[in-house]
Structure formats: C-alpha cells, structure tokens
Amino acid sequence: MCNGPFRPYEEPSTQQCLQDIVDGYFPSELQTRYPNGIPLQVTDKRDVVFRERRLPGSFPGRGQAVGHSKSSEVVTWTHFPSALAGPRLSLEQFLNKLPKSLIRGGQVIDVRDSIRATLQVQAVIQVETPRLDALKRYRHEAKPPAPNICTLRIKSETGEQTYIVKMLFTETIGDLRQHLAHTRGGDSESYEIISTFPQRVYADNSQSLQDCGLIPNASLLLREKTPSKKAGQETPGRVRGGLAAPRQADPHPGQGRGAPRCPAPRPSPLTSREPVTEVL
C-alpha cells in the first residue's frame, strides 16, 4: 500500500487497516497523510507469493569501520516465509468470511456483492468476423484501419462474458445476431439487444448499425426475452368456417312449438359449394 514494504497479515496494524475497509471506513492510518480522503483501488493478489528482495553482490564477509575495534558479535539471519499457512482460499470462501451487509448512515451497504464485482474476472471473447480479418490484414500491411468499421462491446445475459465485435457501418442488427450465434450457438432470437445510455432495444433486424447510432463504438447488453415475447405478441386472426349447407324445408310445418318454418332459398348456380376459409 502506498508503495510501502510488504506487510504480513499477522501484524495488528495490517488487520486494523483491513477491518476499517471491510467496515466501510477510511483506514485510520491514512487519515494523517490524506485528511480529505483518497480513492482506494483494490487488487486481488492472493495468488502472488511475496519474495524478499536481496541486494545484488552484497559483501559476504565481516565488515570493519575505521577507528573502531573488530566486532566479535555473530550476526544471524532468520528467514520467515511470507506465504500464509493453509490452502489458498477461493473467491466464495473469502467472501463468506466477510459480513454480508453493513448499515452506515442509515443505508444498507452490500459488502459481499461489491467486493465480488471488484474481484470477479470476466471472460472477454473476440468474435471472429470477416471485418476483423480485414483489420488484421490492414495492420499487417502497415495501413490505417478502415474508417467505416465500428467496434461493439457486448456483455452477455449473465455478465460473465463480453463479446467484442467489429462490423461495417452498413451491416444490420440481423448480421450482428448471426455473428453472435456463430460464436455462442443457440437461437439468435432468444435475447434482446439493448443499450443503457440511452436506454433502447434494437429489435429491427433490418436496421443498419449506422442508423441505430452504434458507430464508431458502442457498449451493448444482451437480455433474455420473456416467454410472452418469445411466443409473440400478435393475436392470431380469427378463422371463419365454410358456408353452411342450405337448410331443408320442414316436412311437417306447424307441428313444432315455434312458427312454421319457411323453406330456405335455393343456392344460386354461381355460388360455390366448396368450403371457404377467410382469415381476418
């Protein structure tokens, strides 16, 4: 910290500093140097083993000073390993040792989720497209990249993966879905492509990237469609059945409860007797 020496976790000052950070306070040992506070950048160094630096070419024998008698004291060095005892903790094991949440100033601070977002490593996947190959050729030939190629940075539905796609300004949202399906697999219509600033859903597959305002660079998100959107919002049209057959005249008129039935008119010779289906 502050480009200072290595500090073992067993030291009380180190434990106090970490406890202040976990509790949501500015470390007390930094208040004198930075009375107005300073942003803290946390870096995961759990997989790095500290090795003490030794000065190169140090004199191996006994040293003597002018005007002093020879020293008869024997100086011994004791090596203390800096690695912590026990197996290395995983991310979840480390987070489980922290409090789940704290209340500071009337607000609930989610400690574990904020530290998980800081320490979690996201996988960045380069999506292979014909435009990316063209850019590689341009760079190999020491030519400037084509000015009509945009770069899209797309985060997956879970946030664990980020896709980097390079496409022409004239390519469409449908082309983008095809490139993602080639890399991800699955249905290219099972998700929505959205932007946060401004918040917008890009659902028209025929619209170009330039018309969508996604040039020269843009950051997008993938959001899984709800079941209703997957099935479609349109209401299916009503279907009418065929024409009813002509009703025959009652052979015994006047015998029913109702009025005598009149014979139905005979169908016109121009009227087709085949069933007709009409979709509204």
C-alpha atoms as a PDB file:
ATOM      1  CA  MET A   1       0.000   0.000   0.000  1.00  0.00           C
ATOM      2  CA  CYS A   2       1.325   3.443  -0.984  1.00  0.00           C
ATOM      3  CA  ASN A   3       4.378   1.715  -2.498  1.00  0.00           C
ATOM      4  CA  GLY A   4       5.418   0.709   1.005  1.00  0.00           C
ATOM      5  CA  PRO A   5       7.040  -2.519   2.232  1.00  0.00           C
ATOM      6  CA  PHE A   6       5.307  -5.860   2.422  1.00  0.00           C
ATOM      7  CA  ARG A   7       3.104  -6.196   5.491  1.00  0.00           C
ATOM      8  CA  PRO A   8       2.142  -9.652   6.780  1.00  0.00           C
ATOM      9  CA  TYR A   9      -1.469 -10.232   7.692  1.00  0.00           C
ATOM     10  CA  GLU A  10      -0.436 -11.234  11.228  1.00  0.00           C
ATOM     11  CA  GLU A  11       0.586  -7.658  12.076  1.00  0.00           C
ATOM     12  CA  PRO A  12      -2.049  -5.829  14.164  1.00  0.00           C
ATOM     13  CA  SER A  13      -1.736  -2.692  12.017  1.00  0.00           C
ATOM     14  CA  THR A  14      -2.499  -4.697   8.872  1.00  0.00           C
ATOM     15  CA  GLN A  15      -5.537  -6.330  10.458  1.00  0.00           C
ATOM     16  CA  GLN A  16      -6.813  -2.963  11.690  1.00  0.00           C
ATOM     17  CA  CYS A  17      -6.432  -1.425   8.209  1.00  0.00           C
ATOM     18  CA  LEU A  18      -8.345  -4.266   6.530  1.00  0.00           C
ATOM     19  CA  GLN A  19     -11.032  -4.192   9.209  1.00  0.00           C
ATOM     20  CA  ASP A  20     -11.572  -0.457   8.608  1.00  0.00           C
ATOM     21  CA  ILE A  21     -12.049  -1.104   4.878  1.00  0.00           C
ATOM     22  CA  VAL A  22     -14.460  -4.006   5.467  1.00  0.00           C
ATOM     23  CA  ASP A  23     -16.489  -1.885   7.913  1.00  0.00           C
ATOM     24  CA  GLY A  24     -16.808   0.847   5.293  1.00  0.00           C
ATOM     25  CA  TYR A  25     -14.463   3.363   6.934  1.00  0.00           C
ATOM     26  CA  PHE A  26     -11.426   5.182   5.614  1.00  0.00           C
ATOM     27  CA  PRO A  27      -8.307   3.486   7.122  1.00  0.00           C
ATOM     28  CA  SER A  28      -7.239   5.362  10.230  1.00  0.00           C
ATOM     29  CA  GLU A  29      -3.537   5.086   9.369  1.00  0.00           C
ATOM     30  CA  LEU A  30      -4.125   7.098   6.169  1.00  0.00           C
ATOM     31  CA  GLN A  31      -6.112   9.917   7.762  1.00  0.00           C
ATOM     32  CA  THR A  32      -2.974  11.879   8.665  1.00  0.00           C
ATOM     33  CA  ARG A  33      -1.478  11.626   5.176  1.00  0.00           C
ATOM     34  CA  TYR A  34      -4.795  12.135   3.363  1.00  0.00           C
ATOM     35  CA  PRO A  35      -7.095  14.171   5.634  1.00  0.00           C
ATOM     36  CA  ASN A  36      -9.612  14.726   2.815  1.00  0.00           C
ATOM     37  CA  GLY A  37      -9.670  11.050   1.824  1.00  0.00           C
ATOM     38  CA  ILE A  38      -8.441   9.293  -1.321  1.00  0.00           C
ATOM     39  CA  PRO A  39      -9.980   6.628  -3.608  1.00  0.00           C
ATOM     40  CA  LEU A  40      -8.873   3.074  -2.793  1.00  0.00           C
ATOM     41  CA  GLN A  41      -8.136   0.680  -5.668  1.00  0.00           C
ATOM     42  CA  VAL A  42      -8.377  -2.948  -4.504  1.00  0.00           C
ATOM     43  CA  THR A  43      -6.270  -5.507  -6.414  1.00  0.00           C
ATOM     44  CA  ASP A  44      -6.540  -9.265  -5.921  1.00  0.00           C
ATOM     45  CA  LYS A  45      -3.035 -10.522  -5.020  1.00  0.00           C
ATOM     46  CA  ARG A  46      -4.000 -13.751  -3.276  1.00  0.00           C
ATOM     47  CA  ASP A  47      -2.196 -15.873  -5.878  1.00  0.00           C
ATOM     48  CA  VAL A  48       1.067 -13.879  -5.609  1.00  0.00           C
ATOM     49  CA  VAL A  49       3.719 -15.148  -3.188  1.00  0.00           C
ATOM     50  CA  PHE A  50       5.916 -12.426  -1.727  1.00  0.00           C
ATOM     51  CA  ARG A  51       9.650 -12.931  -2.142  1.00  0.00           C
ATOM     52  CA  GLU A  52      12.061 -10.750  -0.225  1.00  0.00           C
ATOM     53  CA  ARG A  53      14.476  -8.771  -2.368  1.00  0.00           C
ATOM     54  CA  ARG A  54      18.181  -9.043  -1.619  1.00  0.00           C
ATOM     55  CA  LEU A  55      20.779  -6.538  -2.707  1.00  0.00           C
ATOM     56  CA  PRO A  56      22.916  -7.954  -5.526  1.00  0.00           C
ATOM     57  CA  GLY A  57      26.602  -8.514  -4.821  1.00  0.00           C
ATOM     58  CA  SER A  58      26.444  -7.993  -1.067  1.00  0.00           C
ATOM     59  CA  PHE A  59      29.756  -8.496   0.708  1.00  0.00           C
ATOM     60  CA  PRO A  60      29.697 -11.985   2.318  1.00  0.00           C
ATOM     61  CA  GLY A  61      32.458 -11.366   4.902  1.00  0.00           C
ATOM     62  CA  ARG A  62      32.760  -9.320   8.056  1.00  0.00           C
ATOM     63  CA  GLY A  63      32.756  -5.546   7.768  1.00  0.00           C
ATOM     64  CA  GLN A  64      35.118  -3.208   9.594  1.00  0.00           C
ATOM     65  CA  ALA A  65      34.972   0.503  10.289  1.00  0.00           C
ATOM     66  CA  VAL A  66      37.945   2.910  10.621  1.00  0.00           C
ATOM     67  CA  GLY A  67      38.755   3.836  14.218  1.00  0.00           C
ATOM     68  CA  HIS A  68      36.784   1.004  15.747  1.00  0.00           C
ATOM     69  CA  SER A  69      37.819  -2.309  17.140  1.00  0.00           C
ATOM     70  CA  LYS A  70      36.913  -5.558  15.451  1.00  0.00           C
ATOM     71  CA  SER A  71      33.482  -6.737  16.289  1.00  0.00           C
ATOM     72  CA  SER A  72      33.213 -10.188  17.761  1.00  0.00           C
ATOM     73  CA  GLU A  73      29.425 -10.332  17.602  1.00  0.00           C
ATOM     74  CA  VAL A  74      27.935 -13.002  15.355  1.00  0.00           C
ATOM     75  CA  VAL A  75      25.038 -11.795  13.285  1.00  0.00           C
ATOM     76  CA  THR A  76      22.429 -14.419  12.432  1.00  0.00           C
ATOM     77  CA  TRP A  77      19.545 -14.162   9.975  1.00  0.00           C
ATOM     78  CA  THR A  78      16.237 -15.882  10.401  1.00  0.00           C
ATOM     79  CA  HIS A  79      14.033 -16.426   7.372  1.00  0.00           C
ATOM     80  CA  PHE A  80      10.294 -16.036   7.891  1.00  0.00           C
ATOM     81  CA  PRO A  81       8.145 -17.286   4.996  1.00  0.00           C
ATOM     82  CA  SER A  82       5.606 -14.713   3.838  1.00  0.00           C
ATOM     83  CA  ALA A  83       3.050 -17.156   2.476  1.00  0.00           C
ATOM     84  CA  LEU A  84       0.033 -17.630   4.709  1.00  0.00           C
ATOM     85  CA  ALA A  85      -0.390 -21.044   6.272  1.00  0.00           C
ATOM     86  CA  GLY A  86      -3.058 -23.349   4.878  1.00  0.00           C
ATOM     87  CA  PRO A  87      -4.569 -23.753   1.404  1.00  0.00           C
ATOM     88  CA  ARG A  88      -5.399 -20.772  -0.770  1.00  0.00           C
ATOM     89  CA  LEU A  89      -8.973 -19.567  -0.309  1.00  0.00           C
ATOM     90  CA  SER A  90     -11.333 -19.477  -3.247  1.00  0.00           C
ATOM     91  CA  LEU A  91     -13.339 -16.372  -4.054  1.00  0.00           C
ATOM     92  CA  GLU A  92     -16.502 -17.696  -2.391  1.00  0.00           C
ATOM     93  CA  GLN A  93     -14.602 -18.838   0.704  1.00  0.00           C
ATOM     94  CA  PHE A  94     -13.034 -15.401   1.010  1.00  0.00           C
ATOM     95  CA  LEU A  95     -16.406 -13.674   0.594  1.00  0.00           C
ATOM     96  CA  ASN A  96     -18.037 -15.913   3.201  1.00  0.00           C
ATOM     97  CA  LYS A  97     -15.581 -14.580   5.781  1.00  0.00           C
ATOM     98  CA  LEU A  98     -16.851 -11.042   5.179  1.00  0.00           C
ATOM     99  CA  PRO A  99     -20.083  -9.638   6.593  1.00  0.00           C
ATOM    100  CA  LYS A 100     -22.980  -9.870   4.165  1.00  0.00           C
ATOM    101  CA  SER A 101     -24.055  -6.254   4.666  1.00  0.00           C
ATOM    102  CA  LEU A 102     -23.432  -3.230   6.881  1.00  0.00           C
ATOM    103  CA  ILE A 103     -25.549  -0.245   7.860  1.00  0.00           C
ATOM    104  CA  ARG A 104     -23.772   3.111   7.630  1.00  0.00           C
ATOM    105  CA  GLY A 105     -25.560   6.446   7.764  1.00  0.00           C
ATOM    106  CA  GLY A 106     -28.975   4.816   7.502  1.00  0.00           C
ATOM    107  CA  GLN A 107     -28.046   2.975   4.303  1.00  0.00           C
ATOM    108  CA  VAL A 108     -27.521  -0.759   3.840  1.00  0.00           C
ATOM    109  CA  ILE A 109     -24.150  -1.476   2.189  1.00  0.00           C
ATOM    110  CA  ASP A 110     -23.879  -4.826   0.410  1.00  0.00           C
ATOM    111  CA  VAL A 111     -20.279  -5.750   1.215  1.00  0.00           C
ATOM    112  CA  ARG A 112     -20.026  -9.149  -0.452  1.00  0.00           C
ATOM    113  CA  ASP A 113     -21.580  -8.218  -3.792  1.00  0.00           C
ATOM    114  CA  SER A 114     -19.471  -5.085  -4.183  1.00  0.00           C
ATOM    115  CA  ILE A 115     -16.231  -6.946  -3.435  1.00  0.00           C
ATOM    116  CA  ARG A 116     -17.295  -9.852  -5.685  1.00  0.00           C
ATOM    117  CA  ALA A 117     -17.849  -7.437  -8.578  1.00  0.00           C
ATOM    118  CA  THR A 118     -14.380  -5.983  -7.988  1.00  0.00           C
ATOM    119  CA  LEU A 119     -12.537  -9.304  -7.772  1.00  0.00           C
ATOM    120  CA  GLN A 120     -14.527 -11.294 -10.327  1.00  0.00           C
ATOM    121  CA  VAL A 121     -12.704 -11.760 -13.610  1.00  0.00           C
ATOM    122  CA  GLN A 122     -14.850 -11.575 -16.731  1.00  0.00           C
ATOM    123  CA  ALA A 123     -14.052 -13.607 -19.808  1.00  0.00           C
ATOM    124  CA  VAL A 124     -13.551 -11.450 -22.895  1.00  0.00           C
ATOM    125  CA  ILE A 125     -14.220 -13.317 -26.140  1.00  0.00           C
ATOM    126  CA  GLN A 126     -13.128 -11.959 -29.504  1.00  0.00           C
ATOM    127  CA  VAL A 127     -15.815 -12.731 -32.089  1.00  0.00           C
ATOM    128  CA  GLU A 128     -14.318 -13.664 -35.437  1.00  0.00           C
ATOM    129  CA  THR A 129     -15.910 -11.735 -38.314  1.00  0.00           C
ATOM    130  CA  PRO A 130     -14.778 -11.008 -41.874  1.00  0.00           C
ATOM    131  CA  ARG A 131     -14.199  -7.390 -40.850  1.00  0.00           C
ATOM    132  CA  LEU A 132     -11.827  -8.470 -38.089  1.00  0.00           C
ATOM    133  CA  ASP A 133      -9.779 -10.439 -40.619  1.00  0.00           C
ATOM    134  CA  ALA A 134      -9.692  -7.372 -42.850  1.00  0.00           C
ATOM    135  CA  LEU A 135      -8.411  -5.256 -39.961  1.00  0.00           C
ATOM    136  CA  LYS A 136      -5.671  -7.789 -39.269  1.00  0.00           C
ATOM    137  CA  ARG A 137      -4.589  -7.650 -42.904  1.00  0.00           C
ATOM    138  CA  TYR A 138      -4.579  -3.847 -42.842  1.00  0.00           C
ATOM    139  CA  ARG A 139      -2.398  -3.798 -39.741  1.00  0.00           C
ATOM    140  CA  HIS A 140      -0.062  -6.400 -41.195  1.00  0.00           C
ATOM    141  CA  GLU A 141       0.368  -4.286 -44.309  1.00  0.00           C
ATOM    142  CA  ALA A 142       1.016  -1.158 -42.187  1.00  0.00           C
ATOM    143  CA  LYS A 143      -2.120   0.537 -43.478  1.00  0.00           C
ATOM    144  CA  PRO A 144      -4.546   2.519 -41.302  1.00  0.00           C
ATOM    145  CA  PRO A 145      -7.740   0.674 -40.360  1.00  0.00           C
ATOM    146  CA  ALA A 146     -10.795   1.229 -42.482  1.00  0.00           C
ATOM    147  CA  PRO A 147     -12.752   4.247 -41.201  1.00  0.00           C
ATOM    148  CA  ASN A 148     -16.140   2.583 -41.736  1.00  0.00           C
ATOM    149  CA  ILE A 149     -15.613  -0.245 -39.235  1.00  0.00           C
ATOM    150  CA  CYS A 150     -17.178   0.059 -35.793  1.00  0.00           C
ATOM    151  CA  THR A 151     -16.366  -1.822 -32.598  1.00  0.00           C
ATOM    152  CA  LEU A 152     -19.171  -3.195 -30.425  1.00  0.00           C
ATOM    153  CA  ARG A 153     -18.566  -4.360 -26.859  1.00  0.00           C
ATOM    154  CA  ILE A 154     -21.452  -6.642 -25.861  1.00  0.00           C
ATOM    155  CA  LYS A 155     -21.956  -8.130 -22.386  1.00  0.00           C
ATOM    156  CA  SER A 156     -23.763 -11.481 -22.089  1.00  0.00           C
ATOM    157  CA  GLU A 157     -27.000 -12.059 -20.185  1.00  0.00           C
ATOM    158  CA  THR A 158     -25.178 -13.216 -17.042  1.00  0.00           C
ATOM    159  CA  GLY A 159     -22.426 -10.617 -17.291  1.00  0.00           C
ATOM    160  CA  GLU A 160     -19.728 -13.308 -17.190  1.00  0.00           C
ATOM    161  CA  GLN A 161     -18.681 -12.868 -20.819  1.00  0.00           C
ATOM    162  CA  THR A 162     -18.021  -9.866 -23.019  1.00  0.00           C
ATOM    163  CA  TYR A 163     -18.041 -10.114 -26.815  1.00  0.00           C
ATOM    164  CA  ILE A 164     -16.065  -7.709 -28.981  1.00  0.00           C
ATOM    165  CA  VAL A 165     -17.491  -7.464 -32.497  1.00  0.00           C
ATOM    166  CA  LYS A 166     -16.077  -5.413 -35.377  1.00  0.00           C
ATOM    167  CA  MET A 167     -18.531  -4.744 -38.204  1.00  0.00           C
ATOM    168  CA  LEU A 168     -19.172  -2.358 -41.070  1.00  0.00           C
ATOM    169  CA  PHE A 169     -21.372   0.668 -40.547  1.00  0.00           C
ATOM    170  CA  THR A 170     -23.748  -0.690 -43.202  1.00  0.00           C
ATOM    171  CA  GLU A 171     -24.243  -4.098 -41.577  1.00  0.00           C
ATOM    172  CA  THR A 172     -27.514  -4.679 -39.762  1.00  0.00           C
ATOM    173  CA  ILE A 173     -28.756  -5.853 -36.383  1.00  0.00           C
ATOM    174  CA  GLY A 174     -29.615  -9.163 -38.046  1.00  0.00           C
ATOM    175  CA  ASP A 175     -25.984  -9.548 -39.155  1.00  0.00           C
ATOM    176  CA  LEU A 176     -24.908  -8.903 -35.567  1.00  0.00           C
ATOM    177  CA  ARG A 177     -27.220 -11.675 -34.338  1.00  0.00           C
ATOM    178  CA  GLN A 178     -25.721 -14.074 -36.898  1.00  0.00           C
ATOM    179  CA  HIS A 179     -22.171 -13.290 -35.756  1.00  0.00           C
ATOM    180  CA  LEU A 180     -23.137 -13.855 -32.117  1.00  0.00           C
ATOM    181  CA  ALA A 181     -24.961 -17.101 -32.953  1.00  0.00           C
ATOM    182  CA  HIS A 182     -21.857 -18.359 -34.776  1.00  0.00           C
ATOM    183  CA  THR A 183     -19.816 -17.837 -31.592  1.00  0.00           C
ATOM    184  CA  ARG A 184     -22.393 -18.566 -28.886  1.00  0.00           C
ATOM    185  CA  GLY A 185     -24.611 -21.122 -30.599  1.00  0.00           C
ATOM    186  CA  GLY A 186     -28.304 -21.441 -29.851  1.00  0.00           C
ATOM    187  CA  ASP A 187     -31.218 -19.346 -31.056  1.00  0.00           C
ATOM    188  CA  SER A 188     -30.282 -15.873 -32.253  1.00  0.00           C
ATOM    189  CA  GLU A 189     -33.775 -14.567 -31.396  1.00  0.00           C
ATOM    190  CA  SER A 190     -33.829 -15.751 -27.764  1.00  0.00           C
ATOM    191  CA  TYR A 191     -32.425 -12.462 -26.436  1.00  0.00           C
ATOM    192  CA  GLU A 192     -32.815  -8.719 -26.811  1.00  0.00           C
ATOM    193  CA  ILE A 193     -30.003  -6.341 -27.726  1.00  0.00           C
ATOM    194  CA  ILE A 194     -30.225  -3.212 -25.584  1.00  0.00           C
ATOM    195  CA  SER A 195     -28.205  -0.143 -24.702  1.00  0.00           C
ATOM    196  CA  THR A 196     -28.278   1.599 -21.337  1.00  0.00           C
ATOM    197  CA  PHE A 197     -27.351   5.181 -22.271  1.00  0.00           C
ATOM    198  CA  PRO A 198     -29.707   5.936 -23.880  1.00  0.00           C
ATOM    199  CA  GLN A 199     -31.925   3.012 -22.914  1.00  0.00           C
ATOM    200  CA  ARG A 200     -33.107   1.407 -26.133  1.00  0.00           C
ATOM    201  CA  VAL A 201     -33.998  -2.030 -27.524  1.00  0.00           C
ATOM    202  CA  TYR A 202     -32.706  -2.842 -31.023  1.00  0.00           C
ATOM    203  CA  ALA A 203     -35.404  -5.185 -32.322  1.00  0.00           C
ATOM    204  CA  ASP A 204     -35.416  -4.250 -36.035  1.00  0.00           C
ATOM    205  CA  ASN A 205     -33.054  -6.735 -37.677  1.00  0.00           C
ATOM    206  CA  SER A 206     -33.080  -4.779 -40.952  1.00  0.00           C
ATOM    207  CA  GLN A 207     -31.763  -1.559 -39.403  1.00  0.00           C
ATOM    208  CA  SER A 208     -28.092  -0.772 -40.021  1.00  0.00           C
ATOM    209  CA  LEU A 209     -25.619  -0.039 -37.252  1.00  0.00           C
ATOM    210  CA  GLN A 210     -25.196   3.492 -38.567  1.00  0.00           C
ATOM    211  CA  ASP A 211     -28.955   4.122 -38.451  1.00  0.00           C
ATOM    212  CA  CYS A 212     -29.008   2.797 -34.877  1.00  0.00           C
ATOM    213  CA  GLY A 213     -26.268   5.241 -33.839  1.00  0.00           C
ATOM    214  CA  LEU A 214     -23.861   2.467 -32.825  1.00  0.00           C
ATOM    215  CA  ILE A 215     -20.844   3.953 -34.612  1.00  0.00           C
ATOM    216  CA  PRO A 216     -17.917   4.173 -34.260  1.00  0.00           C
ATOM    217  CA  ASN A 217     -18.021   2.411 -30.859  1.00  0.00           C
ATOM    218  CA  ALA A 218     -20.826   1.239 -28.591  1.00  0.00           C
ATOM    219  CA  SER A 219     -21.419  -0.841 -25.465  1.00  0.00           C
ATOM    220  CA  LEU A 220     -24.466  -3.119 -25.500  1.00  0.00           C
ATOM    221  CA  LEU A 221     -26.130  -5.700 -23.255  1.00  0.00           C
ATOM    222  CA  LEU A 222     -27.928  -8.952 -24.011  1.00  0.00           C
ATOM    223  CA  ARG A 223     -31.167  -9.557 -22.113  1.00  0.00           C
ATOM    224  CA  GLU A 224     -33.109 -12.809 -22.213  1.00  0.00           C
ATOM    225  CA  LYS A 225     -36.581 -12.486 -23.676  1.00  0.00           C
ATOM    226  CA  THR A 226     -39.597 -13.212 -21.512  1.00  0.00           C
ATOM    227  CA  PRO A 227     -41.805 -16.192 -22.515  1.00  0.00           C
ATOM    228  CA  SER A 228     -44.520 -13.851 -23.816  1.00  0.00           C
ATOM    229  CA  LYS A 229     -42.065 -12.105 -26.119  1.00  0.00           C
ATOM    230  CA  LYS A 230     -40.685 -15.422 -27.347  1.00  0.00           C
ATOM    231  CA  ALA A 231     -44.175 -16.653 -28.249  1.00  0.00           C
ATOM    232  CA  GLY A 232     -45.029 -13.393 -29.996  1.00  0.00           C
ATOM    233  CA  GLN A 233     -47.263 -10.513 -29.045  1.00  0.00           C
ATOM    234  CA  GLU A 234     -49.544 -10.687 -32.109  1.00  0.00           C
ATOM    235  CA  THR A 235     -53.058 -12.097 -31.632  1.00  0.00           C
ATOM    236  CA  PRO A 236     -53.817 -14.761 -34.246  1.00  0.00           C
ATOM    237  CA  GLY A 237     -56.524 -13.883 -36.696  1.00  0.00           C
ATOM    238  CA  ARG A 238     -59.980 -15.417 -36.396  1.00  0.00           C
ATOM    239  CA  VAL A 239     -60.833 -18.094 -38.920  1.00  0.00           C
ATOM    240  CA  ARG A 240     -64.298 -18.433 -40.290  1.00  0.00           C
ATOM    241  CA  GLY A 241     -65.522 -21.809 -41.373  1.00  0.00           C
ATOM    242  CA  GLY A 242     -67.053 -22.673 -44.744  1.00  0.00           C
ATOM    243  CA  LEU A 243     -70.507 -21.719 -45.886  1.00  0.00           C
ATOM    244  CA  ALA A 244     -73.278 -23.663 -44.195  1.00  0.00           C
ATOM    245  CA  ALA A 245     -75.261 -26.073 -46.327  1.00  0.00           C
ATOM    246  CA  PRO A 246     -78.746 -24.805 -47.305  1.00  0.00           C
ATOM    247  CA  ARG A 247     -81.392 -25.616 -44.722  1.00  0.00           C
ATOM    248  CA  GLN A 248     -84.103 -28.002 -45.887  1.00  0.00           C
ATOM    249  CA  ALA A 249     -87.771 -27.176 -45.512  1.00  0.00           C
ATOM    250  CA  ASP A 250     -89.661 -28.729 -42.604  1.00  0.00           C
ATOM    251  CA  PRO A 251     -91.686 -31.666 -43.977  1.00  0.00           C
ATOM    252  CA  HIS A 252     -94.284 -31.165 -41.197  1.00  0.00           C
ATOM    253  CA  PRO A 253     -94.891 -27.454 -40.902  1.00  0.00           C
ATOM    254  CA  GLY A 254     -96.865 -26.199 -37.948  1.00  0.00           C
ATOM    255  CA  GLN A 255     -96.190 -29.188 -35.694  1.00  0.00           C
ATOM    256  CA  GLY A 256     -93.422 -27.589 -33.658  1.00  0.00           C
ATOM    257  CA  ARG A 257     -93.646 -25.086 -30.813  1.00  0.00           C
ATOM    258  CA  GLY A 258     -92.482 -22.215 -32.958  1.00  0.00           C
ATOM    259  CA  ALA A 259     -93.883 -20.622 -36.065  1.00  0.00           C
ATOM    260  CA  PRO A 260     -93.912 -22.612 -39.296  1.00  0.00           C
ATOM    261  CA  ARG A 261     -90.525 -22.741 -40.868  1.00  0.00           C
ATOM    262  CA  CYS A 262     -90.096 -21.266 -44.314  1.00  0.00           C
ATOM    263  CA  PRO A 263     -88.016 -23.189 -46.817  1.00  0.00           C
ATOM    264  CA  ALA A 264     -84.551 -21.768 -47.318  1.00  0.00           C
ATOM    265  CA  PRO A 265     -83.862 -20.159 -50.682  1.00  0.00           C
ATOM    266  CA  ARG A 266     -82.115 -22.344 -53.166  1.00  0.00           C
ATOM    267  CA  PRO A 267     -78.461 -21.513 -53.696  1.00  0.00           C
ATOM    268  CA  SER A 268     -77.588 -19.589 -56.773  1.00  0.00           C
ATOM    269  CA  PRO A 269     -75.824 -21.550 -59.507  1.00  0.00           C
ATOM    270  CA  LEU A 270     -72.969 -19.022 -59.242  1.00  0.00           C
ATOM    271  CA  THR A 271     -72.384 -19.819 -55.559  1.00  0.00           C
ATOM    272  CA  SER A 272     -69.591 -22.361 -54.936  1.00  0.00           C
ATOM    273  CA  ARG A 273     -70.453 -25.299 -52.707  1.00  0.00           C
ATOM    274  CA  GLU A 274     -66.776 -25.818 -51.660  1.00  0.00           C
ATOM    275  CA  PRO A 275     -65.837 -24.677 -48.060  1.00  0.00           C
ATOM    276  CA  VAL A 276     -64.220 -21.216 -47.926  1.00  0.00           C
ATOM    277  CA  THR A 277     -61.725 -20.209 -45.208  1.00  0.00           C
ATOM    278  CA  GLU A 278     -61.267 -16.489 -44.571  1.00  0.00           C
ATOM    279  CA  VAL A 279     -58.533 -15.148 -42.361  1.00  0.00           C
ATOM    280  CA  LEU A 280     -59.269 -11.778 -40.879  1.00  0.00           C
END
